[in-house]
N, C-alpha and C. Protein backbone atom coordinates (compact mmCIF):
# COMPACT_ATOMS: atom_id res chain seq x y z
N MET A 1 3.48 -22.67 -3.55
CA MET A 1 1.52 -22.96 -4.17
C MET A 1 0.91 -21.98 -2.68
N SER A 2 0.22 -21.40 -3.61
CA SER A 2 -1.06 -20.80 -2.68
C SER A 2 -2.04 -21.57 -2.31
N HIS A 3 -2.76 -20.88 -0.93
CA HIS A 3 -4.67 -21.48 -0.95
C HIS A 3 -5.00 -20.50 -1.14
N THR A 4 -6.66 -19.93 -1.09
CA THR A 4 -7.75 -19.51 -1.18
C THR A 4 -8.46 -19.58 0.48
N LEU A 5 -8.93 -18.77 1.10
CA LEU A 5 -9.19 -18.99 1.89
C LEU A 5 -10.66 -17.47 2.15
N THR A 6 -11.47 -18.05 2.59
CA THR A 6 -12.97 -17.11 2.51
C THR A 6 -13.41 -17.11 4.14
N LEU A 7 -13.12 -16.35 4.37
CA LEU A 7 -13.64 -15.31 5.91
C LEU A 7 -14.92 -14.80 5.96
N ARG A 8 -15.92 -14.33 6.69
CA ARG A 8 -16.90 -13.64 7.42
C ARG A 8 -16.16 -12.78 8.29
N LEU A 9 -16.34 -11.52 7.82
CA LEU A 9 -16.03 -11.12 9.22
C LEU A 9 -17.10 -9.63 9.31
N PRO A 10 -17.43 -9.29 11.44
CA PRO A 10 -17.99 -8.62 11.08
C PRO A 10 -17.76 -6.62 10.34
N GLU A 11 -18.41 -6.55 10.24
CA GLU A 11 -18.64 -5.56 9.18
C GLU A 11 -17.96 -4.51 9.93
N GLU A 12 -17.70 -4.30 11.31
CA GLU A 12 -16.82 -2.85 11.43
C GLU A 12 -15.58 -3.24 11.42
N LEU A 13 -14.70 -5.19 11.55
CA LEU A 13 -14.10 -5.15 11.14
C LEU A 13 -13.99 -4.98 9.31
N ASN A 14 -14.23 -5.36 9.31
CA ASN A 14 -13.97 -5.24 6.71
C ASN A 14 -13.53 -4.02 7.17
N ALA A 15 -14.72 -3.01 7.61
CA ALA A 15 -15.08 -1.46 7.67
C ALA A 15 -13.12 -1.14 7.49
N ARG A 16 -12.84 -1.41 8.81
CA ARG A 16 -11.32 -0.84 9.31
C ARG A 16 -10.29 -1.44 8.41
N LEU A 17 -10.55 -3.14 7.71
CA LEU A 17 -9.56 -3.15 6.95
C LEU A 17 -9.58 -3.02 5.19
N ASN A 18 -11.06 -2.57 5.08
CA ASN A 18 -11.38 -1.36 4.31
C ASN A 18 -10.22 -0.27 4.07
N ARG A 19 -10.36 0.65 5.29
CA ARG A 19 -9.82 1.53 5.27
C ARG A 19 -8.22 1.48 5.86
N LEU A 20 -7.78 1.17 5.98
CA LEU A 20 -6.68 0.37 5.87
C LEU A 20 -5.98 0.38 4.37
N ALA A 21 -6.49 -0.43 3.45
CA ALA A 21 -5.91 -1.37 2.50
C ALA A 21 -6.01 0.07 1.28
N GLU A 22 -7.13 0.75 1.24
CA GLU A 22 -7.80 1.78 0.49
C GLU A 22 -6.66 2.52 1.37
N SER A 23 -6.36 2.84 2.14
CA SER A 23 -5.14 4.49 2.24
C SER A 23 -3.34 4.14 1.93
N THR A 24 -3.17 2.78 1.95
CA THR A 24 -2.14 2.67 1.52
C THR A 24 -1.57 1.51 0.09
N SER A 25 -3.19 1.88 -0.58
CA SER A 25 -3.17 0.92 -1.89
C SER A 25 -2.53 -0.61 -1.19
N ARG A 26 -2.49 -1.21 -0.50
CA ARG A 26 -2.44 -2.74 -0.83
C ARG A 26 -3.73 -3.30 -0.63
N PRO A 27 -3.68 -4.94 -1.05
CA PRO A 27 -4.95 -5.49 -1.11
C PRO A 27 -4.78 -5.83 0.77
N LYS A 28 -6.73 -5.90 0.79
CA LYS A 28 -6.86 -6.60 2.13
C LYS A 28 -6.33 -7.58 2.66
N SER A 29 -5.73 -8.79 1.86
CA SER A 29 -5.41 -9.98 1.72
C SER A 29 -3.76 -10.36 2.51
N PHE A 30 -2.86 -8.43 2.01
CA PHE A 30 -1.79 -8.66 2.95
C PHE A 30 -1.94 -8.93 4.05
N TYR A 31 -2.94 -7.89 3.91
CA TYR A 31 -2.91 -7.11 5.98
C TYR A 31 -3.38 -8.76 6.60
N VAL A 32 -4.11 -9.36 6.29
CA VAL A 32 -4.43 -10.44 6.41
C VAL A 32 -3.46 -11.53 7.06
N ARG A 33 -2.54 -11.64 5.22
CA ARG A 33 -1.59 -12.64 5.27
C ARG A 33 -0.66 -12.40 6.54
N ALA A 34 -0.32 -10.84 6.60
CA ALA A 34 1.01 -9.63 7.25
C ALA A 34 0.04 -10.77 9.04
N LEU A 35 -1.01 -10.75 9.20
CA LEU A 35 -1.14 -10.59 10.87
C LEU A 35 -1.08 -12.09 10.97
N LEU A 36 -1.18 -13.09 10.31
CA LEU A 36 -0.86 -14.01 10.32
C LEU A 36 0.07 -14.67 10.63
N GLU A 37 0.41 -13.92 9.84
CA GLU A 37 2.17 -14.08 9.77
C GLU A 37 2.62 -13.89 11.44
N GLU A 38 2.97 -13.22 11.85
CA GLU A 38 3.15 -12.57 13.06
C GLU A 38 2.46 -13.09 14.26
N HIS A 39 1.26 -13.14 14.13
CA HIS A 39 0.39 -14.12 14.99
C HIS A 39 -0.53 -15.65 15.92
N LEU A 40 -0.14 -16.11 14.34
CA LEU A 40 -0.46 -17.51 14.48
C LEU A 40 0.31 -18.25 15.45
N SER A 41 1.78 -18.39 15.82
CA SER A 41 2.53 -19.04 16.67
C SER A 41 2.01 -18.45 17.84
N GLU A 42 2.13 -17.53 18.27
CA GLU A 42 0.93 -17.14 19.05
C GLU A 42 -0.05 -17.69 19.87
N LEU A 43 -0.98 -17.71 18.84
CA LEU A 43 -2.01 -18.64 18.97
C LEU A 43 -2.04 -20.07 19.07
N GLU A 44 -0.92 -20.90 18.48
CA GLU A 44 -0.64 -21.93 18.27
C GLU A 44 -0.43 -22.07 19.96
N TYR A 45 0.95 -21.42 20.52
CA TYR A 45 1.02 -21.48 21.43
C TYR A 45 0.14 -21.32 23.09
N VAL A 46 -0.98 -20.14 22.74
CA VAL A 46 -1.89 -20.55 23.58
C VAL A 46 -2.79 -21.55 23.54
N ALA A 47 -3.47 -22.36 22.10
CA ALA A 47 -3.89 -23.55 21.73
C ALA A 47 -2.90 -25.17 22.77
N GLY A 48 -2.03 -25.06 22.71
CA GLY A 48 -0.79 -25.28 23.20
C GLY A 48 -1.37 -25.69 24.72
N LEU A 49 -1.44 -24.09 25.73
CA LEU A 49 -1.27 -24.60 26.90
C LEU A 49 -2.59 -24.78 27.32
N ASP A 50 -3.23 -24.62 26.26
CA ASP A 50 -4.88 -25.01 27.11
C ASP A 50 -5.22 -26.43 26.94
N SER A 51 -4.78 -26.87 25.11
CA SER A 51 -4.93 -28.46 25.78
C SER A 51 -3.97 -29.23 26.75
N GLU A 52 -3.36 -28.40 27.16
CA GLU A 52 -2.49 -29.21 28.14
C GLU A 52 -2.48 -29.31 29.53
N ALA A 53 -3.05 -27.74 29.75
CA ALA A 53 -3.92 -28.10 30.49
C ALA A 53 -6.03 -28.57 31.12
N GLU A 54 -6.36 -29.25 29.97
CA GLU A 54 -7.47 -29.88 29.61
C GLU A 54 -6.78 -31.21 30.18
N ALA A 55 -5.94 -31.36 29.95
CA ALA A 55 -5.44 -32.62 29.71
C ALA A 55 -4.67 -33.11 31.13
N ILE A 56 -4.53 -32.07 31.79
CA ILE A 56 -3.85 -31.81 33.46
C ILE A 56 -6.16 -32.44 34.15
N ARG A 57 -6.31 -31.70 33.52
CA ARG A 57 -7.42 -31.87 34.55
C ARG A 57 -8.18 -32.98 34.33
N ARG A 58 -8.13 -33.45 33.02
CA ARG A 58 -8.64 -34.55 32.89
C ARG A 58 -7.67 -36.10 33.38
N GLY A 59 -7.01 -35.45 34.12
CA GLY A 59 -5.86 -36.72 35.04
C GLY A 59 -4.63 -36.85 33.70
N GLU A 60 -5.08 -37.17 32.63
CA GLU A 60 -3.43 -37.46 32.44
C GLU A 60 -2.35 -37.34 32.01
N VAL A 61 -2.02 -35.99 32.97
CA VAL A 61 -0.63 -35.44 33.11
C VAL A 61 -0.55 -35.10 34.23
N GLU A 62 0.59 -36.14 35.03
CA GLU A 62 0.45 -35.33 36.47
C GLU A 62 1.18 -34.21 36.81
N ALA A 63 0.41 -34.22 38.05
CA ALA A 63 0.75 -32.31 37.88
C ALA A 63 1.25 -31.87 39.69
N ARG A 64 2.20 -30.87 39.89
CA ARG A 64 2.52 -31.24 40.90
C ARG A 64 2.24 -29.55 41.34
N PRO A 65 1.75 -29.45 42.74
CA PRO A 65 1.60 -28.19 43.47
C PRO A 65 2.16 -26.92 43.64
N MET A 66 2.15 -25.71 42.93
CA MET A 66 2.81 -24.64 42.95
C MET A 66 3.74 -24.36 44.30
N ASP A 67 3.72 -24.69 46.15
CA ASP A 67 4.57 -25.07 46.66
C ASP A 67 5.48 -25.52 47.01
N GLU A 68 5.23 -26.30 46.08
CA GLU A 68 5.94 -27.56 46.20
C GLU A 68 7.30 -27.84 45.19
N LEU A 69 6.73 -27.50 43.95
CA LEU A 69 7.84 -26.21 43.14
C LEU A 69 8.54 -25.28 43.24
N ALA A 70 8.30 -24.62 44.18
CA ALA A 70 8.60 -23.64 44.29
C ALA A 70 9.79 -23.61 45.40
N ARG A 71 9.60 -24.42 46.07
CA ARG A 71 10.85 -25.09 47.18
C ARG A 71 11.81 -26.03 46.92
N GLU A 72 11.04 -26.09 45.96
CA GLU A 72 11.91 -27.29 44.69
C GLU A 72 13.37 -26.49 44.13
N LEU A 73 12.56 -25.80 44.29
CA LEU A 73 13.84 -24.60 43.56
C LEU A 73 14.61 -23.52 44.65
N GLY A 74 14.13 -23.28 45.57
CA GLY A 74 14.59 -23.07 46.22
C GLY A 74 14.10 -21.44 46.86
N PHE A 75 12.59 -21.44 46.78
CA PHE A 75 11.90 -20.00 46.71
C PHE A 75 11.05 -20.60 47.75
N ASP A 76 10.94 -19.34 48.93
CA ASP A 76 10.29 -19.75 49.43
C ASP A 76 8.34 -18.91 49.07
N PRO A 77 7.39 -19.94 49.57
CA PRO A 77 5.62 -19.71 48.64
C PRO A 77 5.07 -19.06 48.39
N ALA A 78 5.69 -18.81 50.36
CA ALA A 78 4.61 -17.31 50.88
C ALA A 78 5.69 -16.16 50.04
N LYS A 79 6.26 -16.35 50.66
CA LYS A 79 7.44 -14.84 49.80
C LYS A 79 6.96 -14.15 48.69
N LEU A 80 6.72 -15.23 47.81
CA LEU A 80 6.11 -15.77 46.19
C LEU A 80 4.66 -14.95 46.02
N ARG A 81 3.48 -15.73 47.49
CA ARG A 81 2.33 -15.01 46.65
C ARG A 81 2.06 -13.71 47.26
N ALA A 82 3.35 -13.49 47.96
CA ALA A 82 3.15 -11.97 48.55
C ALA A 82 3.27 -11.23 47.65
N GLU A 83 4.86 -10.63 46.93
CA GLU A 83 5.63 -10.66 45.88
C GLU A 83 4.00 -10.29 44.58
N ALA A 84 3.65 -11.08 44.47
CA ALA A 84 2.93 -10.98 43.17
C ALA A 84 1.90 -10.25 43.49
N SER A 85 0.70 -10.49 44.59
CA SER A 85 -0.08 -9.13 45.34
C SER A 85 0.28 -8.50 44.85
N SER A 86 1.37 -7.66 45.41
CA SER A 86 1.69 -6.66 45.73
C SER A 86 1.98 -6.05 44.21
N GLY A 87 2.53 -7.17 43.44
CA GLY A 87 2.95 -6.33 41.85
C GLY A 87 3.96 -7.02 41.98
N ALA A 88 4.88 -6.84 42.96
CA ALA A 88 6.50 -6.44 43.05
C ALA A 88 7.00 -7.34 41.39
N GLY A 89 8.42 -6.85 41.58
CA GLY A 89 9.23 -7.95 40.28
C GLY A 89 8.11 -7.29 39.05
N SER A 90 7.32 -6.08 38.34
CA SER A 90 6.59 -6.33 37.51
C SER A 90 7.46 -4.22 37.04
């Protein structure tokens, strides 16, 4: 079963989608569906992180200081901060 979705696009985005569809002889819906299939899980993941962060801010989820977690895992928090600041490991 399939469903119909109506959405409003800014003119420039619609023009780009039209050009792509015309140049490939595929319908615009093909590309919108492909984008959703490819990226919806990423958006769901980010939304979940946002929701969890809000729960932490509201005090509904226990949070621990990063330094405490680093020490528990055997890392030196100061060294980790220095490496992150210098861009090491990337």
